Amino acid sequence: MEYVGAGLILAILVWVGWAMVVERRDRQARLPPGPRCLPVVGNIFQLGWSPHESFAHLTRKHGPIMTLWLGSMCTVVISSSEAARQMFRNHDVVLAGRKIYEAMKDDYGHEGSLITSQYGPHWRMLRRLSSTQFFVTSRIDAMRGVRTRCIHRMLHFIQQASGGDGDNAIDVGRFFFLMAFNLIGNLIFSKDLLDPESQRGQNFFYHAGKVMEFAGKPNAADFLPFLRWLDPQGIRRKSQSHIKRAFEIAGSFIKERMDTCTADSGCRCHNDATKDFLDVLLEFRGGHNGTYSFSPRTINVIIFEMFTAGTDTTTSTLEWAMAELLHNPNTLQKVQAEVRSKIEPNKKVEEEDTEKLPYLQAVIKETLRLHPPLPFLVPHMAMESCNMMGYYIPKETQILVNVWAIGRDPNSWEDPLRFKPERFMEDDRVDYKGHQFEFIPFGSGRRMCPAVPLASRVLPLALASLLHAFDWILADGLKAEDMDMTEKMGITLRKAVPLKVIPVPYKA
């Protein structure tokens, strides 16, 4: 009888094991289609130097919802407006998780990070804070002068760097980066962090820039878990070093403000609309009974994230806008004529002026269509298993929305590879607010970028100011048709070759 019992148990174990194998195979068979993968490395070698382009090419064969294995990481790529619609309308909550890469993992944790916090009560509190305090219309309106001052200061620096009369070529992307960084510094701290007399600001700029540099590098440890403890490229170790230094500097600004608030028995601003972001964070009270407040460490995470999220994306969009205009001289002439016909030559561009510039707004939209700053958005993750469009999506699957491919899809756009702002003049209802899924450069759903109201003001003001103040000539006698328009992946999608131009002050 003992042998019979042992045999029965063994048979049950074999049956359960076989059932699990069959179930796993069945689930694998129900995953979205995709290319065959190699053992261990999966489809890594099919990434190429431009993964958004490589994935768009694979999509033509495997369909708009496709499975790839990046090492051991199961990844589903969404590459059409209809697949994006299904994801954000029907599965937004379950796919609202975050895939955390090694460069994002630090000793400070994710409390305070709107980008990397997993979807839940803490994240919802941060999101509410962003939409009701940071990027609410009243505060954005109140800080209009800050934006104008930072952009006008950029024009001054450009003129100085060019020799005053357009004698020297400049790397215009660097000036965009400096402007965006200084703008965020003013919004948060009410300080010009790049003031020559501010050594702390200069050091913070350096360390934040290095973190963004390392965050944009491909990291083998993300795809092959056994390499994580080795950190073979040193990306996590180097990132942590620069994050620590940046946090120390930002922490000194926070401490100064906290000391001031204590000495004054309250924060320096009593008019709610004129408070900077640090005031808002220090005075925040949340939770059910309003007793929860942010620790200095959490405030540091929020502040640092604003710098990393805001500078590169603004820089990328403005550099690509200028590159496309110089690559298409007729479009440049048309938009410059609009700007200069609506704004007097001796007048500085103000934010309200941009509302009278529909073609300029269309140029920005067309730039975002062809060159979204984050071609895959920020990677999503399935918090639970689900079924989408007839396919099985396992828990913890990484979800990449290829908005670069969606913006160039011939099924959604006529002549999709051509830079043609007129397409947005024909249908001005198409906007980047997350409802038209053929055009979602800032994402959609719960995880959509909360700073869109700010970006929609900064981008047109900066571009209009540049076109109003200067005529632009390509450096080294380069012709428009010979421009290198290739892309490179970093934390954002940048020009592979920086845009070198000669700004000539405009004289009516």
Protein backbone atom coordinates (compact mmCIF):
# COMPACT_ATOMS: atom_id res chain seq x y z
CA MET A 1 0.00 0.00 0.00
CA GLU A 2 2.92 2.37 0.76
CA TYR A 3 4.24 1.90 -2.77
CA VAL A 4 0.77 2.58 -4.17
CA GLY A 5 0.48 5.76 -2.08
CA ALA A 6 3.96 6.94 -3.07
CA GLY A 7 3.22 6.20 -6.70
CA LEU A 8 -0.05 8.14 -6.51
CA ILE A 9 1.71 11.18 -4.97
CA LEU A 10 4.44 11.01 -7.63
CA ALA A 11 1.82 10.79 -10.36
CA ILE A 12 0.00 13.82 -8.93
CA LEU A 13 3.28 15.80 -8.77
CA VAL A 14 4.14 14.86 -12.36
CA TRP A 15 0.64 15.82 -13.49
CA VAL A 16 0.78 19.18 -11.67
CA GLY A 17 4.25 19.88 -13.09
CA TRP A 18 3.14 19.00 -16.61
CA ALA A 19 0.01 21.15 -16.20
CA MET A 20 2.20 24.08 -15.19
CA VAL A 21 4.43 23.58 -18.23
CA VAL A 22 1.40 23.36 -20.51
CA GLU A 23 -0.11 26.48 -18.92
CA ARG A 24 3.17 28.38 -19.35
CA ARG A 25 3.41 27.31 -22.99
CA ASP A 26 -0.22 28.29 -23.51
CA ARG A 27 0.40 31.71 -22.02
CA GLN A 28 3.51 32.14 -24.16
CA ALA A 29 1.43 31.24 -27.20
CA ARG A 30 -1.15 33.89 -26.23
CA LEU A 31 1.42 36.68 -25.91
CA PRO A 32 1.35 39.25 -28.72
CA PRO A 33 3.39 38.07 -31.73
CA GLY A 34 7.02 39.05 -32.06
CA PRO A 35 10.36 38.08 -33.58
CA ARG A 36 12.19 34.94 -32.51
CA CYS A 37 14.62 35.52 -29.67
CA LEU A 38 17.98 34.09 -28.67
CA PRO A 39 18.61 32.31 -25.35
CA VAL A 40 19.57 34.60 -22.44
CA VAL A 41 19.85 37.82 -24.47
CA GLY A 42 16.44 37.58 -26.17
CA ASN A 43 15.96 40.29 -28.81
CA ILE A 44 18.60 42.70 -27.46
CA PHE A 45 20.65 42.55 -30.65
CA GLN A 46 17.60 43.77 -32.58
CA LEU A 47 17.48 47.02 -30.59
CA GLY A 48 20.03 48.79 -32.77
CA TRP A 49 21.30 52.29 -32.02
CA SER A 50 17.80 53.72 -32.51
CA PRO A 51 15.36 51.30 -30.78
CA HIS A 52 12.30 53.38 -31.72
CA GLU A 53 13.19 52.95 -35.40
CA SER A 54 14.12 49.26 -35.02
CA PHE A 55 10.83 48.52 -33.26
CA ALA A 56 8.86 50.46 -35.89
CA HIS A 57 10.48 48.29 -38.57
CA LEU A 58 9.64 45.08 -36.67
CA THR A 59 6.06 46.28 -36.20
CA ARG A 60 5.49 46.19 -39.96
CA LYS A 61 5.97 42.42 -39.80
CA HIS A 62 4.57 41.52 -36.38
CA GLY A 63 1.76 44.02 -35.89
CA PRO A 64 0.95 47.07 -33.74
CA ILE A 65 1.12 45.11 -30.47
CA MET A 66 4.30 43.08 -30.34
CA THR A 67 6.31 41.06 -27.80
CA LEU A 68 10.06 41.36 -27.42
CA TRP A 69 12.38 39.82 -24.85
CA LEU A 70 15.10 42.21 -23.72
CA GLY A 71 17.19 39.67 -21.90
CA SER A 72 14.80 38.29 -19.29
CA MET A 73 12.53 41.34 -19.49
CA CYS A 74 9.24 40.64 -21.25
CA THR A 75 8.35 43.77 -23.22
CA VAL A 76 5.20 44.61 -25.16
CA VAL A 77 5.49 47.41 -27.71
CA ILE A 78 2.44 49.47 -28.70
CA SER A 79 2.85 51.06 -32.14
CA SER A 80 -0.51 52.24 -33.47
CA SER A 81 -3.14 54.75 -32.44
CA GLU A 82 -5.76 52.00 -32.08
CA ALA A 83 -3.55 49.87 -29.82
CA ALA A 84 -2.77 52.99 -27.76
CA ARG A 85 -6.49 53.74 -27.54
CA GLN A 86 -7.17 50.24 -26.23
CA MET A 87 -4.37 50.55 -23.68
CA PHE A 88 -5.24 53.96 -22.25
CA ARG A 89 -9.04 53.67 -22.39
CA ASN A 90 -9.55 50.06 -21.34
CA HIS A 91 -6.44 49.06 -19.37
CA ASP A 92 -5.08 52.33 -17.99
CA VAL A 93 -5.13 51.30 -14.32
CA VAL A 94 -3.63 47.83 -14.63
CA LEU A 95 -0.89 49.12 -16.96
CA ALA A 96 -0.14 52.20 -14.84
CA GLY A 97 2.83 50.63 -13.08
CA ARG A 98 6.43 51.71 -13.64
CA LYS A 99 9.35 49.64 -14.83
CA ILE A 100 12.30 50.87 -12.81
CA TYR A 101 15.69 50.78 -14.53
CA GLU A 102 18.95 50.44 -12.62
CA ALA A 103 19.92 54.09 -13.17
CA MET A 104 16.63 55.09 -11.49
CA LYS A 105 17.33 53.01 -8.37
CA ASP A 106 18.99 55.00 -5.65
CA ASP A 107 19.47 55.18 -1.92
CA TYR A 108 16.77 57.83 -1.64
CA GLY A 109 13.94 55.53 -2.73
CA HIS A 110 10.96 56.52 -4.86
CA GLU A 111 8.87 58.34 -2.27
CA GLY A 112 8.28 61.74 -3.80
CA SER A 113 8.88 60.60 -7.37
CA LEU A 114 5.90 61.17 -9.63
CA ILE A 115 7.77 59.39 -12.44
CA THR A 116 8.96 56.22 -10.70
CA SER A 117 6.48 55.71 -7.84
CA GLN A 118 4.16 52.80 -8.44
CA TYR A 119 0.50 53.63 -8.94
CA GLY A 120 -1.25 53.88 -5.59
CA PRO A 121 -2.32 56.33 -2.85
CA HIS A 122 1.08 58.04 -2.53
CA TRP A 123 1.36 58.52 -6.28
CA ARG A 124 -2.21 59.88 -6.46
CA MET A 125 -1.33 62.42 -3.75
CA LEU A 126 1.71 63.56 -5.77
CA ARG A 127 -0.36 63.79 -8.91
CA ARG A 128 -3.00 65.91 -7.15
CA LEU A 129 -0.26 68.16 -5.84
CA SER A 130 1.08 68.67 -9.38
CA SER A 131 -2.28 69.38 -10.98
CA THR A 132 -3.74 71.56 -8.21
CA GLN A 133 -0.63 73.40 -6.98
CA PHE A 134 2.27 73.35 -9.44
CA PHE A 135 0.63 73.39 -12.85
CA VAL A 136 -2.73 74.94 -12.04
CA THR A 137 -3.67 77.92 -14.24
CA SER A 138 -3.54 80.53 -11.46
CA ARG A 139 0.04 79.66 -10.50
CA ILE A 140 1.19 79.39 -14.10
CA ASP A 141 -0.32 82.81 -14.80
CA ALA A 142 1.35 84.30 -11.70
CA MET A 143 4.77 83.05 -12.85
CA ARG A 144 4.47 84.47 -16.36
CA GLY A 145 7.10 87.11 -15.63
CA VAL A 146 9.60 84.44 -14.53
CA ARG A 147 9.31 82.61 -17.84
CA THR A 148 9.59 85.80 -19.86
CA ARG A 149 12.67 86.93 -17.95
CA CYS A 150 14.49 83.60 -18.38
CA ILE A 151 13.78 83.49 -22.11
CA HIS A 152 14.81 87.10 -22.67
CA ARG A 153 17.99 86.40 -20.73
CA MET A 154 18.68 83.50 -23.11
CA LEU A 155 18.41 85.90 -26.06
CA HIS A 156 20.94 88.19 -24.39
CA PHE A 157 23.41 85.34 -23.87
CA ILE A 158 22.95 84.17 -27.47
CA GLN A 159 23.74 87.64 -28.78
CA GLN A 160 26.82 87.86 -26.57
CA ALA A 161 28.08 84.43 -27.63
CA SER A 162 27.60 85.23 -31.32
CA GLY A 163 29.77 88.32 -31.06
CA GLY A 164 26.92 90.82 -31.04
CA ASP A 165 26.42 91.04 -34.80
CA GLY A 166 26.28 87.39 -35.75
CA ASP A 167 30.03 86.85 -36.12
CA ASN A 168 30.23 83.46 -34.38
CA ALA A 169 28.35 80.18 -34.68
CA ILE A 170 26.75 78.77 -31.54
CA ASP A 171 25.47 75.39 -30.36
CA VAL A 172 21.90 76.56 -29.94
CA GLY A 173 20.84 73.43 -28.04
CA ARG A 174 23.16 74.34 -25.17
CA PHE A 175 21.42 77.70 -24.74
CA PHE A 176 18.04 75.96 -24.69
CA PHE A 177 19.31 73.64 -21.96
CA LEU A 178 20.67 76.53 -19.89
CA MET A 179 17.40 78.45 -20.26
CA ALA A 180 15.26 75.45 -19.25
CA PHE A 181 17.48 74.69 -16.25
CA ASN A 182 17.47 78.29 -15.08
CA LEU A 183 13.70 78.52 -15.56
CA ILE A 184 13.07 75.50 -13.37
CA GLY A 185 15.48 76.89 -10.78
CA ASN A 186 13.43 80.08 -10.65
CA LEU A 187 10.12 78.22 -10.46
CA ILE A 188 11.36 76.10 -7.55
CA PHE A 189 13.80 78.30 -5.63
CA SER A 190 13.16 81.81 -7.03
CA LYS A 191 16.89 81.84 -7.88
CA ASP A 192 19.02 82.13 -10.99
CA LEU A 193 21.02 78.97 -10.37
CA LEU A 194 23.36 79.75 -13.26
CA ASP A 195 24.30 83.16 -11.93
CA PRO A 196 28.14 83.39 -12.22
CA GLU A 197 28.29 84.27 -8.52
CA SER A 198 26.36 81.16 -7.51
CA GLN A 199 28.92 78.35 -7.21
CA ARG A 200 26.29 76.07 -5.68
CA GLY A 201 24.04 76.62 -8.68
CA GLN A 202 26.86 75.85 -11.10
CA ASN A 203 27.73 72.66 -9.19
CA PHE A 204 24.09 71.57 -9.06
CA PHE A 205 23.85 72.12 -12.82
CA TYR A 206 26.93 69.94 -13.37
CA HIS A 207 25.78 67.02 -11.20
CA ALA A 208 22.20 67.08 -12.51
CA GLY A 209 23.55 67.04 -16.07
CA LYS A 210 25.74 64.02 -15.32
CA VAL A 211 22.78 62.12 -13.84
CA MET A 212 20.78 62.77 -17.01
CA GLU A 213 23.75 61.63 -19.10
CA PHE A 214 24.03 58.29 -17.27
CA ALA A 215 20.26 57.78 -17.20
CA GLY A 216 20.25 57.92 -21.00
CA LYS A 217 22.93 55.25 -21.48
CA PRO A 218 21.90 51.66 -22.39
CA ASN A 219 22.61 49.47 -19.36
CA ALA A 220 23.18 45.73 -19.70
CA ALA A 221 22.21 45.28 -16.03
CA ASP A 222 18.63 46.26 -16.87
CA PHE A 223 18.21 43.26 -19.16
CA LEU A 224 20.40 40.60 -17.54
CA PRO A 225 19.58 40.36 -13.80
CA PHE A 226 22.76 38.43 -12.92
CA LEU A 227 24.76 41.56 -13.88
CA ARG A 228 22.95 43.89 -11.49
CA TRP A 229 25.22 43.30 -8.51
CA LEU A 230 28.28 43.68 -10.75
CA ASP A 231 27.12 46.97 -12.32
CA PRO A 232 29.64 46.28 -15.15
CA GLN A 233 29.26 49.71 -16.81
CA GLY A 234 29.32 51.53 -13.49
CA ILE A 235 26.14 53.39 -14.41
CA ARG A 236 24.36 52.92 -11.11
CA ARG A 237 27.48 53.70 -9.07
CA LYS A 238 28.28 56.87 -11.02
CA SER A 239 24.65 58.01 -11.03
CA GLN A 240 24.47 57.57 -7.26
CA SER A 241 27.58 59.65 -6.75
CA HIS A 242 26.19 62.58 -8.74
CA ILE A 243 22.71 62.25 -7.24
CA LYS A 244 24.21 62.41 -3.74
CA ARG A 245 26.10 65.62 -4.55
CA ALA A 246 23.08 67.21 -6.25
CA PHE A 247 20.88 66.32 -3.28
CA GLU A 248 23.37 67.87 -0.87
CA ILE A 249 23.27 71.15 -2.81
CA ALA A 250 19.49 71.20 -3.18
CA GLY A 251 19.23 70.25 0.49
CA SER A 252 21.18 73.37 1.43
CA PHE A 253 18.66 75.52 -0.44
CA ILE A 254 15.80 73.72 1.31
CA LYS A 255 17.42 74.17 4.74
CA GLU A 256 17.92 77.91 4.13
CA ARG A 257 14.25 78.29 3.25
CA MET A 258 13.13 76.23 6.24
CA ASP A 259 15.30 78.31 8.56
CA THR A 260 13.82 81.48 7.09
CA CYS A 261 10.30 80.16 7.56
CA THR A 262 11.05 79.30 11.21
CA ALA A 263 12.62 82.69 11.90
CA ASP A 264 9.70 84.51 10.30
CA SER A 265 7.10 82.25 11.95
CA GLY A 266 5.83 81.32 8.52
CA CYS A 267 6.96 81.12 4.95
CA ARG A 268 8.02 84.21 3.06
CA CYS A 269 5.04 84.32 0.69
CA HIS A 270 1.55 84.98 1.92
CA ASN A 271 0.00 85.46 -1.50
CA ASP A 272 -0.73 81.91 -2.64
CA ALA A 273 -0.41 82.72 -6.34
CA THR A 274 3.13 84.08 -5.96
CA LYS A 275 4.60 81.20 -3.98
CA ASP A 276 7.34 79.23 -5.67
CA PHE A 277 7.27 75.42 -5.78
CA LEU A 278 9.47 75.08 -2.70
CA ASP A 279 7.00 77.19 -0.67
CA VAL A 280 4.22 74.87 -1.78
CA LEU A 281 6.18 71.76 -0.78
CA LEU A 282 7.13 73.11 2.64
CA GLU A 283 3.56 74.16 3.43
CA PHE A 284 1.95 70.98 2.08
CA ARG A 285 -0.29 69.04 4.43
CA GLY A 286 -1.91 65.83 3.21
CA GLY A 287 -3.53 62.67 4.44
CA HIS A 288 -7.05 62.20 5.78
CA ASN A 289 -6.53 64.52 8.73
CA GLY A 290 -4.12 66.93 7.05
CA THR A 291 -1.20 66.08 9.34
CA TYR A 292 1.11 64.44 6.77
CA SER A 293 3.93 66.65 5.47
CA PHE A 294 6.87 66.00 3.18
CA SER A 295 10.26 65.29 4.72
CA PRO A 296 13.26 67.26 3.40
CA ARG A 297 14.42 64.06 1.70
CA THR A 298 11.12 63.64 -0.14
CA ILE A 299 11.15 67.32 -1.15
CA ASN A 300 14.65 66.76 -2.52
CA VAL A 301 13.40 63.88 -4.68
CA ILE A 302 10.53 65.97 -6.05
CA ILE A 303 12.82 68.91 -6.84
CA PHE A 304 15.50 66.84 -8.52
CA GLU A 305 12.90 65.07 -10.64
CA MET A 306 11.54 68.40 -11.87
CA PHE A 307 14.99 69.36 -13.12
CA THR A 308 15.68 66.05 -14.85
CA ALA A 309 12.19 65.81 -16.37
CA GLY A 310 11.96 69.41 -17.54
CA THR A 311 15.33 70.40 -18.95
CA ASP A 312 16.07 67.71 -21.53
CA THR A 313 12.52 67.53 -22.88
CA THR A 314 12.34 71.30 -23.44
CA THR A 315 15.81 71.34 -24.99
CA SER A 316 15.05 68.46 -27.35
CA THR A 317 11.81 69.98 -28.65
CA LEU A 318 13.24 73.47 -29.25
CA GLU A 319 16.40 72.15 -30.93
CA TRP A 320 14.38 69.95 -33.27
CA ALA A 321 11.99 72.82 -34.05
CA MET A 322 14.90 75.04 -35.08
CA ALA A 323 16.53 72.19 -37.01
CA GLU A 324 13.35 71.44 -38.97
CA LEU A 325 12.81 75.12 -39.77
CA LEU A 326 16.36 75.53 -41.05
CA HIS A 327 15.99 72.28 -42.99
CA ASN A 328 12.79 73.68 -44.55
CA PRO A 329 13.60 77.34 -45.43
CA ASN A 330 10.14 78.09 -46.86
CA THR A 331 8.54 77.07 -43.57
CA LEU A 332 11.06 79.16 -41.65
CA GLN A 333 10.26 82.17 -43.81
CA LYS A 334 6.53 81.66 -43.34
CA VAL A 335 6.58 81.34 -39.56
CA GLN A 336 9.06 84.19 -39.17
CA ALA A 337 6.81 86.43 -41.28
CA GLU A 338 3.87 85.58 -39.04
CA VAL A 339 5.82 86.42 -35.88
CA ARG A 340 7.19 89.69 -37.21
CA SER A 341 3.88 90.82 -38.67
CA LYS A 342 2.11 90.39 -35.32
CA ILE A 343 4.87 91.72 -33.02
CA GLU A 344 6.60 95.05 -33.56
CA PRO A 345 10.38 94.93 -34.22
CA ASN A 346 11.39 96.91 -31.14
CA LYS A 347 9.06 94.98 -28.82
CA LYS A 348 9.94 91.90 -26.83
CA VAL A 349 7.69 88.89 -27.31
CA GLU A 350 5.27 88.37 -24.43
CA GLU A 351 3.36 85.23 -23.59
CA GLU A 352 0.00 86.62 -24.66
CA ASP A 353 1.47 87.37 -28.12
CA THR A 354 1.81 83.66 -28.87
CA GLU A 355 -1.97 83.29 -28.87
CA LYS A 356 -1.97 85.33 -32.10
CA LEU A 357 0.49 82.97 -33.82
CA PRO A 358 -1.41 79.89 -35.05
CA TYR A 359 1.26 78.86 -37.55
CA LEU A 360 3.95 78.97 -34.87
CA GLN A 361 1.77 76.74 -32.68
CA ALA A 362 1.41 74.38 -35.63
CA VAL A 363 5.21 74.28 -36.04
CA ILE A 364 5.55 73.14 -32.42
CA LYS A 365 2.90 70.46 -32.85
CA GLU A 366 4.54 69.19 -36.03
CA THR A 367 7.89 69.08 -34.23
CA LEU A 368 6.36 67.01 -31.42
CA ARG A 369 4.75 64.68 -33.96
CA LEU A 370 8.03 63.89 -35.73
CA HIS A 371 10.35 64.22 -32.75
CA PRO A 372 8.59 63.39 -29.46
CA PRO A 373 11.06 64.04 -26.62
CA LEU A 374 10.45 60.57 -25.14
CA PRO A 375 9.87 58.24 -28.12
CA PHE A 376 8.62 55.45 -25.81
CA LEU A 377 7.18 57.78 -23.14
CA VAL A 378 8.31 56.60 -19.68
CA PRO A 379 8.03 52.78 -19.65
CA HIS A 380 4.82 51.43 -18.15
CA MET A 381 4.49 48.10 -16.34
CA ALA A 382 1.60 45.68 -15.94
CA MET A 383 0.75 45.60 -12.22
CA GLU A 384 -1.40 42.50 -12.80
CA SER A 385 -1.87 40.11 -15.69
CA CYS A 386 -4.50 41.18 -18.20
CA ASN A 387 -5.82 40.51 -21.68
CA MET A 388 -5.66 43.21 -24.34
CA MET A 389 -6.78 42.98 -27.95
CA GLY A 390 -7.03 39.20 -27.56
CA TYR A 391 -3.51 38.77 -26.18
CA TYR A 392 -2.20 37.86 -22.74
CA ILE A 393 -0.05 40.46 -20.93
CA PRO A 394 1.74 38.88 -17.93
CA LYS A 395 2.22 40.72 -14.65
CA GLU A 396 5.39 42.87 -14.54
CA THR A 397 5.61 43.08 -18.32
CA GLN A 398 7.24 46.28 -19.52
CA ILE A 399 4.97 48.30 -21.84
CA LEU A 400 6.58 50.66 -24.35
CA VAL A 401 4.31 53.02 -26.29
CA ASN A 402 6.23 53.92 -29.45
CA VAL A 403 4.80 57.42 -29.93
CA TRP A 404 7.59 58.08 -32.45
CA ALA A 405 6.16 55.33 -34.69
CA ILE A 406 2.55 56.40 -34.03
CA GLY A 407 3.37 59.95 -35.11
CA ARG A 408 4.78 58.62 -38.39
CA ASP A 409 2.10 56.02 -39.10
CA PRO A 410 0.84 56.37 -42.70
CA ASN A 411 -2.52 55.00 -41.57
CA SER A 412 -3.00 58.12 -39.42
CA TRP A 413 -1.00 60.79 -41.25
CA GLU A 414 -0.79 61.79 -44.89
CA ASP A 415 2.81 62.07 -46.13
CA PRO A 416 3.95 61.27 -42.57
CA LEU A 417 7.70 61.83 -42.97
CA ARG A 418 7.34 65.37 -44.29
CA PHE A 419 7.61 68.36 -41.95
CA LYS A 420 4.31 70.06 -42.73
CA PRO A 421 2.86 72.33 -39.99
CA GLU A 422 -0.09 73.10 -42.29
CA ARG A 423 -1.61 69.74 -41.35
CA PHE A 424 -2.38 71.18 -37.91
CA MET A 425 -3.89 74.31 -39.44
CA GLU A 426 -6.34 72.15 -41.38
CA ASP A 427 -7.60 70.50 -38.19
CA ASP A 428 -6.76 72.57 -35.14
CA ARG A 429 -8.70 70.16 -32.96
CA VAL A 430 -5.74 67.75 -32.99
CA ASP A 431 -3.86 68.53 -29.82
CA TYR A 432 -1.39 66.88 -27.46
CA LYS A 433 -3.74 66.67 -24.47
CA GLY A 434 -3.94 62.88 -24.59
CA HIS A 435 -7.33 62.38 -26.26
CA GLN A 436 -6.28 61.97 -29.91
CA PHE A 437 -4.24 58.78 -29.84
CA GLU A 438 -2.50 59.39 -33.15
CA PHE A 439 -0.74 62.31 -31.42
CA ILE A 440 0.31 61.66 -27.81
CA PRO A 441 3.86 63.04 -27.40
CA PHE A 442 3.16 63.67 -23.69
CA GLY A 443 1.31 60.40 -23.14
CA SER A 444 -2.27 59.81 -22.07
CA GLY A 445 -4.26 58.54 -19.11
CA ARG A 446 -3.18 58.62 -15.49
CA ARG A 447 0.53 58.69 -16.24
CA MET A 448 0.34 61.54 -18.74
CA CYS A 449 2.92 64.29 -18.18
CA PRO A 450 1.38 66.74 -15.66
CA ALA A 451 3.52 69.66 -16.88
CA VAL A 452 1.78 70.03 -20.27
CA PRO A 453 0.12 73.35 -19.23
CA LEU A 454 3.59 74.77 -18.52
CA ALA A 455 5.22 73.31 -21.65
CA SER A 456 2.41 74.70 -23.82
CA ARG A 457 3.46 78.19 -22.71
CA VAL A 458 7.24 77.89 -22.60
CA LEU A 459 7.73 76.28 -26.02
CA PRO A 460 5.86 78.86 -28.15
CA LEU A 461 7.27 81.81 -26.17
CA ALA A 462 10.85 80.59 -26.55
CA LEU A 463 10.53 79.75 -30.25
CA ALA A 464 8.70 83.00 -31.12
CA SER A 465 11.33 85.02 -29.23
CA LEU A 466 14.17 83.38 -31.18
CA LEU A 467 12.48 83.91 -34.54
CA HIS A 468 11.57 87.50 -33.72
CA ALA A 469 15.00 88.55 -32.44
CA PHE A 470 17.33 86.88 -34.93
CA ASP A 471 17.75 85.71 -38.48
CA TRP A 472 19.34 82.28 -38.52
CA ILE A 473 22.12 81.00 -40.80
CA LEU A 474 23.62 77.51 -40.83
CA ALA A 475 27.28 77.45 -39.80
CA ASP A 476 30.21 76.65 -42.10
CA GLY A 477 28.23 77.41 -45.26
CA LEU A 478 26.12 74.28 -44.81
CA LYS A 479 23.09 74.09 -47.10
CA ALA A 480 19.64 73.23 -45.80
CA GLU A 481 19.37 70.07 -47.89
CA ASP A 482 22.73 68.81 -46.55
CA MET A 483 21.80 69.03 -42.86
CA ASP A 484 22.31 65.89 -40.80
CA MET A 485 18.88 65.14 -39.32
CA THR A 486 19.71 61.83 -37.67
CA GLU A 487 18.66 61.17 -34.09
CA LYS A 488 20.38 59.78 -31.03
CA MET A 489 18.81 58.24 -27.97
CA GLY A 490 19.63 59.51 -24.51
CA ILE A 491 17.23 60.40 -21.75
CA THR A 492 15.39 62.14 -24.62
CA LEU A 493 15.52 62.03 -28.42
CA ARG A 494 18.21 64.53 -29.45
CA LYS A 495 19.93 65.46 -32.69
CA ALA A 496 22.92 63.21 -33.27
CA VAL A 497 24.85 66.24 -34.56
CA PRO A 498 24.28 69.39 -32.45
CA LEU A 499 22.71 72.27 -34.34
CA LYS A 500 25.39 74.90 -35.08
CA VAL A 501 23.92 78.19 -36.29
CA ILE A 502 24.79 81.85 -36.63
CA PRO A 503 22.20 84.20 -35.05
CA VAL A 504 22.09 87.58 -36.78
CA PRO A 505 20.19 90.27 -34.84
CA TYR A 506 17.10 91.28 -36.81
CA LYS A 507 16.91 94.89 -37.89
CA ALA A 508 13.62 95.98 -39.44
